[in-house]
Amino acid sequence: MGFTDAFNRIRLETDLQTQEQLARFLEIRQSSVSGAKKRGRFPTAWAEKISRHYNLRYEWIMEGHEPKRLVPGMTPGEIQQLVDRFWWVLLHASDAGRTRVKEAVETAYREVRESR
């Protein structure tokens, strides 16, 4: 949970290389980042936001526990390509096709929620 270790791991896998870039990404003041560094604690809310955006596991950011990625083997860019392709299919499918896609997404969503 130390600030320096967490931020060093983030630097390895993202384009967030400076405290100023981190603050901009988090939409906070740079002084908030400086304060967290002085306290030696990386806020969990920051790690959660970075985790979701960059496909990094919260546990890896905070403690260094492998694996790094939420979706192993996929970079954020690859996940975005998958999402873009999904939306293209959804927008160009027939009504029956959209219904099947909608049902599949709803089923997957329910399964994820039930597994928590």
C-alpha atoms as a PDB file:
ATOM      1  CA  MET A   1       0.000   0.000   0.000  1.00  0.00           C
ATOM      2  CA  GLY A   2       3.047   2.224  -0.055  1.00  0.00           C
ATOM      3  CA  PHE A   3       2.789   5.146  -2.421  1.00  0.00           C
ATOM      4  CA  THR A   4       6.203   4.753  -4.055  1.00  0.00           C
ATOM      5  CA  ASP A   5       5.888   1.015  -4.751  1.00  0.00           C
ATOM      6  CA  ALA A   6       2.356   1.344  -6.154  1.00  0.00           C
ATOM      7  CA  PHE A   7       3.252   4.333  -8.321  1.00  0.00           C
ATOM      8  CA  ASN A   8       6.371   2.575  -9.642  1.00  0.00           C
ATOM      9  CA  ARG A   9       4.238  -0.407 -10.707  1.00  0.00           C
ATOM     10  CA  ILE A  10       1.756   1.955 -12.382  1.00  0.00           C
ATOM     11  CA  ARG A  11       4.603   3.644 -14.257  1.00  0.00           C
ATOM     12  CA  LEU A  12       5.726   0.265 -15.607  1.00  0.00           C
ATOM     13  CA  GLU A  13       2.396  -0.481 -17.287  1.00  0.00           C
ATOM     14  CA  THR A  14       0.790   2.874 -18.123  1.00  0.00           C
ATOM     15  CA  ASP A  15       1.496   6.247 -19.658  1.00  0.00           C
ATOM     16  CA  LEU A  16       1.221   7.827 -16.186  1.00  0.00           C
ATOM     17  CA  GLN A  17       4.854   8.680 -15.614  1.00  0.00           C
ATOM     18  CA  THR A  18       4.703  11.774 -13.406  1.00  0.00           C
ATOM     19  CA  GLN A  19       2.699  12.921 -10.432  1.00  0.00           C
ATOM     20  CA  GLU A  20       1.213  15.632 -12.629  1.00  0.00           C
ATOM     21  CA  GLN A  21       0.015  13.063 -15.191  1.00  0.00           C
ATOM     22  CA  LEU A  22      -1.438  10.948 -12.380  1.00  0.00           C
ATOM     23  CA  ALA A  23      -3.299  13.943 -10.976  1.00  0.00           C
ATOM     24  CA  ARG A  24      -4.687  14.844 -14.412  1.00  0.00           C
ATOM     25  CA  PHE A  25      -5.863  11.270 -14.980  1.00  0.00           C
ATOM     26  CA  LEU A  26      -7.519  11.139 -11.555  1.00  0.00           C
ATOM     27  CA  GLU A  27      -8.984  14.635 -12.044  1.00  0.00           C
ATOM     28  CA  ILE A  28      -7.496  15.873  -8.784  1.00  0.00           C
ATOM     29  CA  ARG A  29      -4.968  18.525  -7.799  1.00  0.00           C
ATOM     30  CA  GLN A  30      -1.292  17.677  -7.985  1.00  0.00           C
ATOM     31  CA  SER A  31      -1.013  18.699  -4.331  1.00  0.00           C
ATOM     32  CA  SER A  32      -3.292  15.748  -3.447  1.00  0.00           C
ATOM     33  CA  VAL A  33      -0.814  13.395  -5.098  1.00  0.00           C
ATOM     34  CA  SER A  34       2.065  15.065  -3.257  1.00  0.00           C
ATOM     35  CA  GLY A  35       0.181  14.673   0.007  1.00  0.00           C
ATOM     36  CA  ALA A  36      -0.408  10.972  -0.579  1.00  0.00           C
ATOM     37  CA  LYS A  37       3.279  10.545  -1.359  1.00  0.00           C
ATOM     38  CA  LYS A  38       4.252  12.331   1.876  1.00  0.00           C
ATOM     39  CA  ARG A  39       1.885  10.094   3.862  1.00  0.00           C
ATOM     40  CA  GLY A  40       3.352   7.066   2.078  1.00  0.00           C
ATOM     41  CA  ARG A  41      -0.089   5.660   1.198  1.00  0.00           C
ATOM     42  CA  PHE A  42      -1.599   5.108  -2.228  1.00  0.00           C
ATOM     43  CA  PRO A  43      -5.393   5.633  -1.941  1.00  0.00           C
ATOM     44  CA  THR A  44      -7.495   2.611  -2.813  1.00  0.00           C
ATOM     45  CA  ALA A  45      -9.932   4.682  -4.892  1.00  0.00           C
ATOM     46  CA  TRP A  46      -7.063   5.796  -7.129  1.00  0.00           C
ATOM     47  CA  ALA A  47      -5.861   2.222  -7.587  1.00  0.00           C
ATOM     48  CA  GLU A  48      -9.397   1.091  -8.439  1.00  0.00           C
ATOM     49  CA  LYS A  49      -9.801   3.779 -11.127  1.00  0.00           C
ATOM     50  CA  ILE A  50      -6.394   2.980 -12.649  1.00  0.00           C
ATOM     51  CA  SER A  51      -7.169  -0.736 -12.467  1.00  0.00           C
ATOM     52  CA  ARG A  52     -10.368  -0.392 -14.483  1.00  0.00           C
ATOM     53  CA  HIS A  53      -8.931   1.979 -17.064  1.00  0.00           C
ATOM     54  CA  TYR A  54      -5.656   0.176 -17.721  1.00  0.00           C
ATOM     55  CA  ASN A  55      -6.771  -3.463 -17.271  1.00  0.00           C
ATOM     56  CA  LEU A  56      -4.539  -3.897 -14.228  1.00  0.00           C
ATOM     57  CA  ARG A  57      -5.419  -5.902 -11.151  1.00  0.00           C
ATOM     58  CA  TYR A  58      -5.932  -3.833  -8.009  1.00  0.00           C
ATOM     59  CA  GLU A  59      -3.876  -6.396  -6.035  1.00  0.00           C
ATOM     60  CA  TRP A  60      -0.971  -5.986  -8.418  1.00  0.00           C
ATOM     61  CA  ILE A  61      -1.043  -2.195  -8.177  1.00  0.00           C
ATOM     62  CA  MET A  62      -1.234  -2.168  -4.383  1.00  0.00           C
ATOM     63  CA  GLU A  63       0.867  -5.192  -3.405  1.00  0.00           C
ATOM     64  CA  GLY A  64       2.643  -6.440  -6.524  1.00  0.00           C
ATOM     65  CA  HIS A  65       0.781  -9.787  -6.546  1.00  0.00           C
ATOM     66  CA  GLU A  66       0.728 -11.363 -10.016  1.00  0.00           C
ATOM     67  CA  PRO A  67      -0.950 -11.567 -12.445  1.00  0.00           C
ATOM     68  CA  LYS A  68      -0.855  -7.926 -13.517  1.00  0.00           C
ATOM     69  CA  ARG A  69      -3.856  -7.902 -15.819  1.00  0.00           C
ATOM     70  CA  LEU A  70      -7.566  -8.222 -15.081  1.00  0.00           C
ATOM     71  CA  VAL A  71      -7.941  -9.972 -18.426  1.00  0.00           C
ATOM     72  CA  PRO A  72      -4.718 -11.966 -18.770  1.00  0.00           C
ATOM     73  CA  GLY A  73      -2.869 -11.390 -21.996  1.00  0.00           C
ATOM     74  CA  MET A  74      -4.983  -8.447 -23.137  1.00  0.00           C
ATOM     75  CA  THR A  75      -3.736  -4.898 -23.201  1.00  0.00           C
ATOM     76  CA  PRO A  76      -6.133  -1.975 -22.764  1.00  0.00           C
ATOM     77  CA  GLY A  77      -5.905  -1.339 -26.527  1.00  0.00           C
ATOM     78  CA  GLU A  78      -6.900  -4.921 -27.323  1.00  0.00           C
ATOM     79  CA  ILE A  79      -9.834  -4.730 -24.931  1.00  0.00           C
ATOM     80  CA  GLN A  80     -10.936  -1.497 -26.612  1.00  0.00           C
ATOM     81  CA  GLN A  81     -10.751  -3.186 -30.032  1.00  0.00           C
ATOM     82  CA  LEU A  82     -12.932  -6.010 -28.705  1.00  0.00           C
ATOM     83  CA  VAL A  83     -15.483  -3.539 -27.333  1.00  0.00           C
ATOM     84  CA  ASP A  84     -15.468  -1.558 -30.610  1.00  0.00           C
ATOM     85  CA  ARG A  85     -16.058  -4.739 -32.601  1.00  0.00           C
ATOM     86  CA  PHE A  86     -18.897  -5.728 -30.273  1.00  0.00           C
ATOM     87  CA  TRP A  87     -20.596  -2.354 -30.794  1.00  0.00           C
ATOM     88  CA  TRP A  88     -20.133  -2.585 -34.572  1.00  0.00           C
ATOM     89  CA  VAL A  89     -21.816  -5.999 -34.599  1.00  0.00           C
ATOM     90  CA  LEU A  90     -24.578  -4.742 -32.357  1.00  0.00           C
ATOM     91  CA  LEU A  91     -25.249  -1.672 -34.514  1.00  0.00           C
ATOM     92  CA  HIS A  92     -25.218  -3.595 -37.802  1.00  0.00           C
ATOM     93  CA  ALA A  93     -27.093  -6.728 -36.753  1.00  0.00           C
ATOM     94  CA  SER A  94     -30.676  -7.451 -37.654  1.00  0.00           C
ATOM     95  CA  ASP A  95     -33.348  -7.139 -34.989  1.00  0.00           C
ATOM     96  CA  ALA A  96     -33.054 -10.871 -34.303  1.00  0.00           C
ATOM     97  CA  GLY A  97     -29.267 -10.560 -34.113  1.00  0.00           C
ATOM     98  CA  ARG A  98     -29.492  -7.661 -31.674  1.00  0.00           C
ATOM     99  CA  THR A  99     -31.891  -9.667 -29.520  1.00  0.00           C
ATOM    100  CA  ARG A 100     -29.439 -12.593 -29.402  1.00  0.00           C
ATOM    101  CA  VAL A 101     -26.539 -10.281 -28.519  1.00  0.00           C
ATOM    102  CA  LYS A 102     -28.620  -8.549 -25.842  1.00  0.00           C
ATOM    103  CA  GLU A 103     -29.605 -11.908 -24.327  1.00  0.00           C
ATOM    104  CA  ALA A 104     -25.974 -13.094 -24.337  1.00  0.00           C
ATOM    105  CA  VAL A 105     -24.790  -9.910 -22.631  1.00  0.00           C
ATOM    106  CA  GLU A 106     -27.552 -10.106 -20.020  1.00  0.00           C
ATOM    107  CA  THR A 107     -26.686 -13.754 -19.308  1.00  0.00           C
ATOM    108  CA  ALA A 108     -22.983 -12.949 -18.949  1.00  0.00           C
ATOM    109  CA  TYR A 109     -23.800  -9.993 -16.695  1.00  0.00           C
ATOM    110  CA  ARG A 110     -25.995 -12.169 -14.440  1.00  0.00           C
ATOM    111  CA  GLU A 111     -23.300 -14.856 -14.236  1.00  0.00           C
ATOM    112  CA  VAL A 112     -20.666 -12.325 -13.199  1.00  0.00           C
ATOM    113  CA  ARG A 113     -22.936 -10.773 -10.575  1.00  0.00           C
ATOM    114  CA  GLU A 114     -23.884 -14.185  -9.161  1.00  0.00           C
ATOM    115  CA  SER A 115     -20.247 -15.266  -8.923  1.00  0.00           C
ATOM    116  CA  ARG A 116     -19.369 -12.372  -6.578  1.00  0.00           C
END
